[in-house]
Amino acid sequence: MKKTLVAFVHTFILAGAINVAHADDKVVFAIAQEPYPPFSYKDSSGVWSGFEPELITEVCKRMQADCSLKELAWDGLIPALRSKQVDVIMNSMSITPEREQVVDFTEPYIETPALWVGDAALELTPTPEGLEGKTIGVQGSTSHSAYVKQYFGKASTIRYYNDQDDLLADLRSGRIDIMLADKISVEPMLALPDNSMLASKGVAPADPLFGKGIGAAVRKGDDALREKLNKALKAVREDGTYDAIGARYFKTTVSASQ
C-alpha cells in the first residue's frame, strides 16, 4: 500500500542529513519511524519523503541551520526531546494542553479534522450511543486516542495501534468496526483499490482534546529556537513555498489559520 501511494505523490529525497551552505546552527529533528503518509514516509529506496520532510528542509534553509533527522518510535519523541537527544519534533504533533505542560510549541503550521472510517456496507453512527459495543481502532498516544478514550471508552472497546497501515488492515479484515484518523492522511488511502470496501463515516466535531492544530515542539524554555522556527515557517508561507509543497500532497490546504 505504501508503494502504491508513493506512485501518486512527488518523491522528495531527504537523506540522513539536510545540509545548508554556511549553516550557523546544528539542529536535530525527530521523526517517528512509523510511516504517516502523506505527511512522512520512506520511499522505495528507504529515503524519507512527504510533506513534513520537505517542509523541514525549507525551514532549515531559512534558519541557515545544518539539520539532520533522527528516527524514533512515536512514543519516544517527547522523551527524546526532553533528554536533549533531539532539538525539534516536527512530525504531525497536535498542540494539546497535556503536551504543553512538558514542551513548548511553535505557532501551528497544520490544521486538519479527524475522520471516522468504517465498512462502506455498514450503517455506523459515530456517537457514544451509536458505537456502543463496537470496537474502535485508533493510533496510540495521539489526540485522536485521547478523544476516543474520553468519549467512547465506557461503552466501546478501544484498540490502539502503532501506525495507520495496521489500523487499516484490521479494519479491512473486520477485527475492528471503525477507526478515527487524520482526515487529510486517511482520505488518499480510501481511494486505493485495497480499501475500496471502506468509506467515510463522518468528521468528528471540533473538541479541545484535538488541540490547537499541529505545531513544532521544542524543549521547555527554548524560546530562541522556537522563535527561529516561527520566523522560518512564516517566511515559507509568505513566499508561496508552503502552498507549493502542499499541492504535491493534498487536494486542499492544510495550513493553520494565522
C-alpha atoms as a PDB file:
ATOM      1  CA  MET A   1       0.000   0.000   0.000  1.00  0.00           C
ATOM      2  CA  LYS A   2       2.821   2.415   0.837  1.00  0.00           C
ATOM      3  CA  LYS A   3       4.474   1.685  -2.517  1.00  0.00           C
ATOM      4  CA  THR A   4       1.199   2.408  -4.301  1.00  0.00           C
ATOM      5  CA  LEU A   5       0.857   5.733  -2.506  1.00  0.00           C
ATOM      6  CA  VAL A   6       4.403   6.739  -3.392  1.00  0.00           C
ATOM      7  CA  ALA A   7       3.498   6.368  -7.056  1.00  0.00           C
ATOM      8  CA  PHE A   8       0.861   9.060  -6.680  1.00  0.00           C
ATOM      9  CA  VAL A   9       2.940  11.700  -4.938  1.00  0.00           C
ATOM     10  CA  HIS A  10       6.030  13.699  -5.692  1.00  0.00           C
ATOM     11  CA  THR A  11       9.062  11.833  -4.382  1.00  0.00           C
ATOM     12  CA  PHE A  12      11.302  14.032  -2.296  1.00  0.00           C
ATOM     13  CA  ILE A  13      14.792  12.871  -1.423  1.00  0.00           C
ATOM     14  CA  LEU A  14      15.810  13.524   2.155  1.00  0.00           C
ATOM     15  CA  ALA A  15      18.940  11.618   3.110  1.00  0.00           C
ATOM     16  CA  GLY A  16      20.377  11.274   6.591  1.00  0.00           C
ATOM     17  CA  ALA A  17      21.116  14.995   6.826  1.00  0.00           C
ATOM     18  CA  ILE A  18      19.724  18.233   5.398  1.00  0.00           C
ATOM     19  CA  ASN A  19      22.772  20.336   4.685  1.00  0.00           C
ATOM     20  CA  VAL A  20      22.666  24.078   4.157  1.00  0.00           C
ATOM     21  CA  ALA A  21      25.703  26.037   2.963  1.00  0.00           C
ATOM     22  CA  HIS A  22      27.276  28.280   5.605  1.00  0.00           C
ATOM     23  CA  ALA A  23      24.921  26.920   8.289  1.00  0.00           C
ATOM     24  CA  ASP A  24      25.224  28.644  11.644  1.00  0.00           C
ATOM     25  CA  ASP A  25      23.407  26.091  13.845  1.00  0.00           C
ATOM     26  CA  LYS A  26      23.095  22.326  14.063  1.00  0.00           C
ATOM     27  CA  VAL A  27      19.511  21.220  14.685  1.00  0.00           C
ATOM     28  CA  VAL A  28      18.335  17.624  15.075  1.00  0.00           C
ATOM     29  CA  PHE A  29      14.725  16.977  14.072  1.00  0.00           C
ATOM     30  CA  ALA A  30      12.925  13.929  15.431  1.00  0.00           C
ATOM     31  CA  ILE A  31      10.789  11.880  13.069  1.00  0.00           C
ATOM     32  CA  ALA A  32       8.631   8.889  14.001  1.00  0.00           C
ATOM     33  CA  GLN A  33       9.789   5.658  12.412  1.00  0.00           C
ATOM     34  CA  GLU A  34       6.150   4.675  11.893  1.00  0.00           C
ATOM     35  CA  PRO A  35       5.026   5.862   8.407  1.00  0.00           C
ATOM     36  CA  TYR A  36       2.320   8.528   8.287  1.00  0.00           C
ATOM     37  CA  PRO A  37       1.689   9.240   4.595  1.00  0.00           C
ATOM     38  CA  PRO A  38       1.406  11.710   3.026  1.00  0.00           C
ATOM     39  CA  PHE A  39       2.929  13.692   5.907  1.00  0.00           C
ATOM     40  CA  SER A  40       6.007  11.475   6.337  1.00  0.00           C
ATOM     41  CA  TYR A  41       7.054   8.085   4.972  1.00  0.00           C
ATOM     42  CA  LYS A  42      10.015   6.343   3.376  1.00  0.00           C
ATOM     43  CA  ASP A  43      10.096   5.887  -0.375  1.00  0.00           C
ATOM     44  CA  SER A  44      11.022   2.593  -2.053  1.00  0.00           C
ATOM     45  CA  SER A  45      14.729   3.359  -1.634  1.00  0.00           C
ATOM     46  CA  GLY A  46      14.370   3.961   2.111  1.00  0.00           C
ATOM     47  CA  VAL A  47      14.641   7.747   1.932  1.00  0.00           C
ATOM     48  CA  TRP A  48      12.326   9.986   3.986  1.00  0.00           C
ATOM     49  CA  SER A  49       9.724  11.728   1.853  1.00  0.00           C
ATOM     50  CA  GLY A  50       6.428  13.535   2.386  1.00  0.00           C
ATOM     51  CA  PHE A  51       5.047  16.943   3.257  1.00  0.00           C
ATOM     52  CA  GLU A  52       6.867  17.389   6.560  1.00  0.00           C
ATOM     53  CA  PRO A  53      10.345  16.263   5.435  1.00  0.00           C
ATOM     54  CA  GLU A  54      10.067  18.762   2.577  1.00  0.00           C
ATOM     55  CA  LEU A  55       8.858  21.466   4.945  1.00  0.00           C
ATOM     56  CA  ILE A  56      11.723  20.751   7.359  1.00  0.00           C
ATOM     57  CA  THR A  57      14.215  21.230   4.530  1.00  0.00           C
ATOM     58  CA  GLU A  58      12.731  24.617   3.602  1.00  0.00           C
ATOM     59  CA  VAL A  59      12.575  25.739   7.231  1.00  0.00           C
ATOM     60  CA  CYS A  60      16.237  24.815   7.737  1.00  0.00           C
ATOM     61  CA  LYS A  61      17.262  26.813   4.681  1.00  0.00           C
ATOM     62  CA  ARG A  62      15.608  29.905   6.090  1.00  0.00           C
ATOM     63  CA  MET A  63      17.144  29.368   9.529  1.00  0.00           C
ATOM     64  CA  GLN A  64      20.540  28.779   7.871  1.00  0.00           C
ATOM     65  CA  ALA A  65      20.823  25.676  10.010  1.00  0.00           C
ATOM     66  CA  ASP A  66      22.596  22.364   9.476  1.00  0.00           C
ATOM     67  CA  CYS A  67      19.732  19.949  10.122  1.00  0.00           C
ATOM     68  CA  SER A  68      19.502  16.180  10.455  1.00  0.00           C
ATOM     69  CA  LEU A  69      16.757  13.638  11.121  1.00  0.00           C
ATOM     70  CA  LYS A  70      16.720  11.119  13.966  1.00  0.00           C
ATOM     71  CA  GLU A  71      14.271   8.226  13.698  1.00  0.00           C
ATOM     72  CA  LEU A  72      12.454   7.215  16.866  1.00  0.00           C
ATOM     73  CA  ALA A  73       9.288   5.413  17.890  1.00  0.00           C
ATOM     74  CA  TRP A  74       6.346   7.815  18.118  1.00  0.00           C
ATOM     75  CA  ASP A  75       6.049   7.247  21.877  1.00  0.00           C
ATOM     76  CA  GLY A  76       9.703   8.161  22.263  1.00  0.00           C
ATOM     77  CA  LEU A  77       9.623  11.545  20.531  1.00  0.00           C
ATOM     78  CA  ILE A  78       8.879  13.755  23.542  1.00  0.00           C
ATOM     79  CA  PRO A  79      11.183  11.823  25.923  1.00  0.00           C
ATOM     80  CA  ALA A  80      13.997  12.188  23.353  1.00  0.00           C
ATOM     81  CA  LEU A  81      13.337  15.922  23.072  1.00  0.00           C
ATOM     82  CA  ARG A  82      13.336  16.439  26.816  1.00  0.00           C
ATOM     83  CA  SER A  83      16.545  14.417  27.240  1.00  0.00           C
ATOM     84  CA  LYS A  84      18.282  16.514  24.529  1.00  0.00           C
ATOM     85  CA  GLN A  85      18.694  13.664  22.039  1.00  0.00           C
ATOM     86  CA  VAL A  86      16.844  15.852  19.513  1.00  0.00           C
ATOM     87  CA  ASP A  87      16.027  19.561  19.296  1.00  0.00           C
ATOM     88  CA  VAL A  88      12.707  19.717  17.421  1.00  0.00           C
ATOM     89  CA  ILE A  89       9.700  17.488  16.790  1.00  0.00           C
ATOM     90  CA  MET A  90       8.050  18.489  13.506  1.00  0.00           C
ATOM     91  CA  ASN A  91       6.015  15.374  12.874  1.00  0.00           C
ATOM     92  CA  SER A  92       2.239  15.927  12.931  1.00  0.00           C
ATOM     93  CA  MET A  93       2.139  16.514  16.693  1.00  0.00           C
ATOM     94  CA  SER A  94      -1.060  18.210  17.889  1.00  0.00           C
ATOM     95  CA  ILE A  95      -0.754  21.103  20.329  1.00  0.00           C
ATOM     96  CA  THR A  96      -2.671  19.852  23.367  1.00  0.00           C
ATOM     97  CA  PRO A  97      -2.795  21.120  26.978  1.00  0.00           C
ATOM     98  CA  GLU A  98      -1.209  17.885  28.197  1.00  0.00           C
ATOM     99  CA  ARG A  99       1.786  18.244  25.871  1.00  0.00           C
ATOM    100  CA  GLU A 100       2.123  21.958  26.583  1.00  0.00           C
ATOM    101  CA  GLN A 101       2.910  21.040  30.178  1.00  0.00           C
ATOM    102  CA  VAL A 102       6.164  19.347  29.115  1.00  0.00           C
ATOM    103  CA  VAL A 103       7.215  21.011  25.809  1.00  0.00           C
ATOM    104  CA  ASP A 104       6.789  24.353  24.042  1.00  0.00           C
ATOM    105  CA  PHE A 105       5.256  24.676  20.596  1.00  0.00           C
ATOM    106  CA  THR A 106       5.626  26.995  17.645  1.00  0.00           C
ATOM    107  CA  GLU A 107       2.583  28.556  16.072  1.00  0.00           C
ATOM    108  CA  PRO A 108       0.528  25.808  14.356  1.00  0.00           C
ATOM    109  CA  TYR A 109       1.571  25.026  10.787  1.00  0.00           C
ATOM    110  CA  ILE A 110      -1.075  22.358  10.009  1.00  0.00           C
ATOM    111  CA  GLU A 111      -4.748  22.111  10.864  1.00  0.00           C
ATOM    112  CA  THR A 112      -6.838  19.116   9.804  1.00  0.00           C
ATOM    113  CA  PRO A 113     -10.041  17.494  11.115  1.00  0.00           C
ATOM    114  CA  ALA A 114     -10.442  13.923  12.365  1.00  0.00           C
ATOM    115  CA  LEU A 115     -12.370  11.435  10.202  1.00  0.00           C
ATOM    116  CA  TRP A 116     -14.284   8.298  11.132  1.00  0.00           C
ATOM    117  CA  VAL A 117     -13.820   5.408   8.661  1.00  0.00           C
ATOM    118  CA  GLY A 118     -15.655   2.084   8.531  1.00  0.00           C
ATOM    119  CA  ASP A 119     -17.030  -0.622   6.260  1.00  0.00           C
ATOM    120  CA  ALA A 120     -18.967   1.071   3.456  1.00  0.00           C
ATOM    121  CA  ALA A 121     -21.757  -1.524   3.730  1.00  0.00           C
ATOM    122  CA  LEU A 122     -22.388  -0.904   7.440  1.00  0.00           C
ATOM    123  CA  GLU A 123     -24.532   1.817   8.982  1.00  0.00           C
ATOM    124  CA  LEU A 124     -22.426   3.270  11.770  1.00  0.00           C
ATOM    125  CA  THR A 125     -23.234   6.412  13.719  1.00  0.00           C
ATOM    126  CA  PRO A 126     -20.047   7.755  15.344  1.00  0.00           C
ATOM    127  CA  THR A 127     -21.549   8.799  18.664  1.00  0.00           C
ATOM    128  CA  PRO A 128     -21.062   7.125  22.067  1.00  0.00           C
ATOM    129  CA  GLU A 129     -24.558   5.641  21.760  1.00  0.00           C
ATOM    130  CA  GLY A 130     -24.156   4.655  18.109  1.00  0.00           C
ATOM    131  CA  LEU A 131     -20.866   2.828  18.724  1.00  0.00           C
ATOM    132  CA  GLU A 132     -21.905   1.098  21.944  1.00  0.00           C
ATOM    133  CA  GLY A 133     -20.497  -2.423  21.939  1.00  0.00           C
ATOM    134  CA  LYS A 134     -18.357  -1.725  18.860  1.00  0.00           C
ATOM    135  CA  THR A 135     -14.563  -1.967  18.608  1.00  0.00           C
ATOM    136  CA  ILE A 136     -12.830   1.286  17.717  1.00  0.00           C
ATOM    137  CA  GLY A 137      -9.289   1.434  16.340  1.00  0.00           C
ATOM    138  CA  VAL A 138      -7.018   4.442  16.788  1.00  0.00           C
ATOM    139  CA  GLN A 139      -3.316   5.222  16.736  1.00  0.00           C
ATOM    140  CA  GLY A 140      -1.958   5.316  20.277  1.00  0.00           C
ATOM    141  CA  SER A 141      -0.509   8.366  22.053  1.00  0.00           C
ATOM    142  CA  THR A 142      -2.339  10.804  19.761  1.00  0.00           C
ATOM    143  CA  SER A 143      -5.022  13.441  20.219  1.00  0.00           C
ATOM    144  CA  HIS A 144      -7.359  11.039  18.408  1.00  0.00           C
ATOM    145  CA  SER A 145      -6.758   8.333  21.015  1.00  0.00           C
ATOM    146  CA  ALA A 146      -7.368  10.826  23.837  1.00  0.00           C
ATOM    147  CA  TYR A 147     -10.683  11.810  22.230  1.00  0.00           C
ATOM    148  CA  VAL A 148     -11.822   8.210  21.718  1.00  0.00           C
ATOM    149  CA  LYS A 149     -10.863   7.217  25.259  1.00  0.00           C
ATOM    150  CA  GLN A 150     -12.665  10.203  26.779  1.00  0.00           C
ATOM    151  CA  TYR A 151     -15.975   9.871  24.940  1.00  0.00           C
ATOM    152  CA  PHE A 152     -16.183   6.230  23.831  1.00  0.00           C
ATOM    153  CA  GLY A 153     -14.128   4.299  26.396  1.00  0.00           C
ATOM    154  CA  LYS A 154     -17.034   3.344  28.656  1.00  0.00           C
ATOM    155  CA  ALA A 155     -19.318   1.739  26.069  1.00  0.00           C
ATOM    156  CA  SER A 156     -16.897   0.640  23.339  1.00  0.00           C
ATOM    157  CA  THR A 157     -13.746  -1.469  23.118  1.00  0.00           C
ATOM    158  CA  ILE A 158     -10.718   0.554  22.032  1.00  0.00           C
ATOM    159  CA  ARG A 159      -7.698  -0.937  20.286  1.00  0.00           C
ATOM    160  CA  TYR A 160      -4.516   1.120  19.965  1.00  0.00           C
ATOM    161  CA  TYR A 161      -2.117   0.821  17.026  1.00  0.00           C
ATOM    162  CA  ASN A 162       1.411   1.953  16.239  1.00  0.00           C
ATOM    163  CA  ASP A 163       0.673   3.059  12.686  1.00  0.00           C
ATOM    164  CA  GLN A 164      -2.111   3.694  10.226  1.00  0.00           C
ATOM    165  CA  ASP A 165      -1.286   0.740   7.959  1.00  0.00           C
ATOM    166  CA  ASP A 166      -2.020  -1.735  10.765  1.00  0.00           C
ATOM    167  CA  LEU A 167      -5.204   0.168  11.594  1.00  0.00           C
ATOM    168  CA  LEU A 168      -6.467  -0.097   8.028  1.00  0.00           C
ATOM    169  CA  ALA A 169      -5.513  -3.768   7.772  1.00  0.00           C
ATOM    170  CA  ASP A 170      -7.565  -4.639  10.860  1.00  0.00           C
ATOM    171  CA  LEU A 171     -10.476  -2.530   9.645  1.00  0.00           C
ATOM    172  CA  ARG A 172     -10.499  -4.328   6.284  1.00  0.00           C
ATOM    173  CA  SER A 173     -10.388  -7.724   7.999  1.00  0.00           C
ATOM    174  CA  GLY A 174     -13.201  -6.868  10.428  1.00  0.00           C
ATOM    175  CA  ARG A 175     -11.068  -7.035  13.586  1.00  0.00           C
ATOM    176  CA  ILE A 176     -12.293  -3.527  14.389  1.00  0.00           C
ATOM    177  CA  ASP A 177     -15.576  -1.897  13.389  1.00  0.00           C
ATOM    178  CA  ILE A 178     -14.477   1.697  12.869  1.00  0.00           C
ATOM    179  CA  MET A 179     -11.374   3.873  13.106  1.00  0.00           C
ATOM    180  CA  LEU A 180     -10.630   7.527  13.822  1.00  0.00           C
ATOM    181  CA  ALA A 181      -7.722   9.139  11.984  1.00  0.00           C
ATOM    182  CA  ASP A 182      -6.490  12.356  10.440  1.00  0.00           C
ATOM    183  CA  LYS A 183      -8.776  13.257   7.519  1.00  0.00           C
ATOM    184  CA  ILE A 184      -6.022  14.501   5.220  1.00  0.00           C
ATOM    185  CA  SER A 185      -3.858  11.467   5.872  1.00  0.00           C
ATOM    186  CA  VAL A 186      -6.529   8.777   5.530  1.00  0.00           C
ATOM    187  CA  GLU A 187      -8.561  10.132   2.582  1.00  0.00           C
ATOM    188  CA  PRO A 188      -5.911   9.229  -0.058  1.00  0.00           C
ATOM    189  CA  MET A 189      -5.869   5.712   1.403  1.00  0.00           C
ATOM    190  CA  LEU A 190      -9.604   5.351   0.800  1.00  0.00           C
ATOM    191  CA  ALA A 191      -9.036   5.965  -2.903  1.00  0.00           C
ATOM    192  CA  LEU A 192      -6.752   2.913  -3.209  1.00  0.00           C
ATOM    193  CA  PRO A 193      -8.203  -0.362  -4.590  1.00  0.00           C
ATOM    194  CA  ASP A 194      -7.215  -2.294  -1.439  1.00  0.00           C
ATOM    195  CA  ASN A 195      -9.528  -0.065   0.596  1.00  0.00           C
ATOM    196  CA  SER A 196     -12.488   0.054  -1.771  1.00  0.00           C
ATOM    197  CA  MET A 197     -14.720  -1.576   0.870  1.00  0.00           C
ATOM    198  CA  LEU A 198     -14.129   1.324   3.296  1.00  0.00           C
ATOM    199  CA  ALA A 199     -15.842   4.711   3.441  1.00  0.00           C
ATOM    200  CA  SER A 200     -16.052   7.881   5.478  1.00  0.00           C
ATOM    201  CA  LYS A 201     -18.469   7.764   8.393  1.00  0.00           C
ATOM    202  CA  GLY A 202     -18.227  11.485   9.106  1.00  0.00           C
ATOM    203  CA  VAL A 203     -15.916  14.117  10.548  1.00  0.00           C
ATOM    204  CA  ALA A 204     -15.554  14.266  14.323  1.00  0.00           C
ATOM    205  CA  PRO A 205     -16.774  17.565  15.833  1.00  0.00           C
ATOM    206  CA  ALA A 206     -14.213  20.137  16.972  1.00  0.00           C
ATOM    207  CA  ASP A 207     -13.058  19.430  20.522  1.00  0.00           C
ATOM    208  CA  PRO A 208     -10.338  20.779  22.835  1.00  0.00           C
ATOM    209  CA  LEU A 209      -8.845  17.275  23.012  1.00  0.00           C
ATOM    210  CA  PHE A 210      -7.827  17.611  19.359  1.00  0.00           C
ATOM    211  CA  GLY A 211      -5.655  20.557  20.327  1.00  0.00           C
ATOM    212  CA  LYS A 212      -4.967  23.872  18.634  1.00  0.00           C
ATOM    213  CA  GLY A 213      -3.575  22.487  15.411  1.00  0.00           C
ATOM    214  CA  ILE A 214      -0.194  20.899  14.730  1.00  0.00           C
ATOM    215  CA  GLY A 215       2.998  22.679  15.710  1.00  0.00           C
ATOM    216  CA  ALA A 216       6.722  22.041  16.025  1.00  0.00           C
ATOM    217  CA  ALA A 217       7.741  21.112  19.585  1.00  0.00           C
ATOM    218  CA  VAL A 218      10.913  22.297  21.336  1.00  0.00           C
ATOM    219  CA  ARG A 219      12.180  21.894  24.880  1.00  0.00           C
ATOM    220  CA  LYS A 220      10.563  23.987  27.580  1.00  0.00           C
ATOM    221  CA  GLY A 221      12.161  27.409  27.670  1.00  0.00           C
ATOM    222  CA  ASP A 222      13.992  27.091  24.335  1.00  0.00           C
ATOM    223  CA  ASP A 223      12.479  30.367  23.161  1.00  0.00           C
ATOM    224  CA  ALA A 224      15.327  31.225  20.803  1.00  0.00           C
ATOM    225  CA  LEU A 225      14.863  28.101  18.684  1.00  0.00           C
ATOM    226  CA  ARG A 226      11.075  28.360  18.860  1.00  0.00           C
ATOM    227  CA  GLU A 227      11.175  31.919  17.510  1.00  0.00           C
ATOM    228  CA  LYS A 228      13.604  30.937  14.743  1.00  0.00           C
ATOM    229  CA  LEU A 229      11.192  28.207  13.699  1.00  0.00           C
ATOM    230  CA  ASN A 230       8.227  30.587  13.821  1.00  0.00           C
ATOM    231  CA  LYS A 231      10.070  33.111  11.668  1.00  0.00           C
ATOM    232  CA  ALA A 232      11.110  30.441   9.158  1.00  0.00           C
ATOM    233  CA  LEU A 233       7.600  28.966   8.959  1.00  0.00           C
ATOM    234  CA  LYS A 234       6.180  32.453   8.351  1.00  0.00           C
ATOM    235  CA  ALA A 235       8.680  33.025   5.535  1.00  0.00           C
ATOM    236  CA  VAL A 236       7.824  29.677   3.929  1.00  0.00           C
ATOM    237  CA  ARG A 237       4.140  30.647   3.957  1.00  0.00           C
ATOM    238  CA  GLU A 238       4.638  34.178   2.675  1.00  0.00           C
ATOM    239  CA  ASP A 239       6.841  33.285  -0.299  1.00  0.00           C
ATOM    240  CA  GLY A 240       4.426  30.576  -1.511  1.00  0.00           C
ATOM    241  CA  THR A 241       6.680  27.616  -0.747  1.00  0.00           C
ATOM    242  CA  TYR A 242       4.265  26.120   1.793  1.00  0.00           C
ATOM    243  CA  ASP A 243       1.408  26.028  -0.724  1.00  0.00           C
ATOM    244  CA  ALA A 244       3.683  24.658  -3.450  1.00  0.00           C
ATOM    245  CA  ILE A 245       4.743  21.755  -1.227  1.00  0.00           C
ATOM    246  CA  GLY A 246       1.171  21.160  -0.070  1.00  0.00           C
ATOM    247  CA  ALA A 247      -0.122  20.987  -3.642  1.00  0.00           C
ATOM    248  CA  ARG A 248       2.069  17.933  -4.256  1.00  0.00           C
ATOM    249  CA  TYR A 249       0.433  16.008  -1.417  1.00  0.00           C
ATOM    250  CA  PHE A 250      -3.037  17.402  -0.699  1.00  0.00           C
ATOM    251  CA  LYS A 251      -6.160  18.361  -2.623  1.00  0.00           C
ATOM    252  CA  THR A 252      -6.956  21.145  -0.168  1.00  0.00           C
ATOM    253  CA  THR A 253      -4.810  23.373   2.030  1.00  0.00           C
ATOM    254  CA  VAL A 254      -3.768  22.111   5.447  1.00  0.00           C
ATOM    255  CA  SER A 255      -2.374  25.430   6.597  1.00  0.00           C
ATOM    256  CA  ALA A 256      -3.473  26.572  10.039  1.00  0.00           C
ATOM    257  CA  SER A 257      -5.143  29.982  10.254  1.00  0.00           C
ATOM    258  CA  GLN A 258      -2.699  32.731  11.169  1.00  0.00           C
END
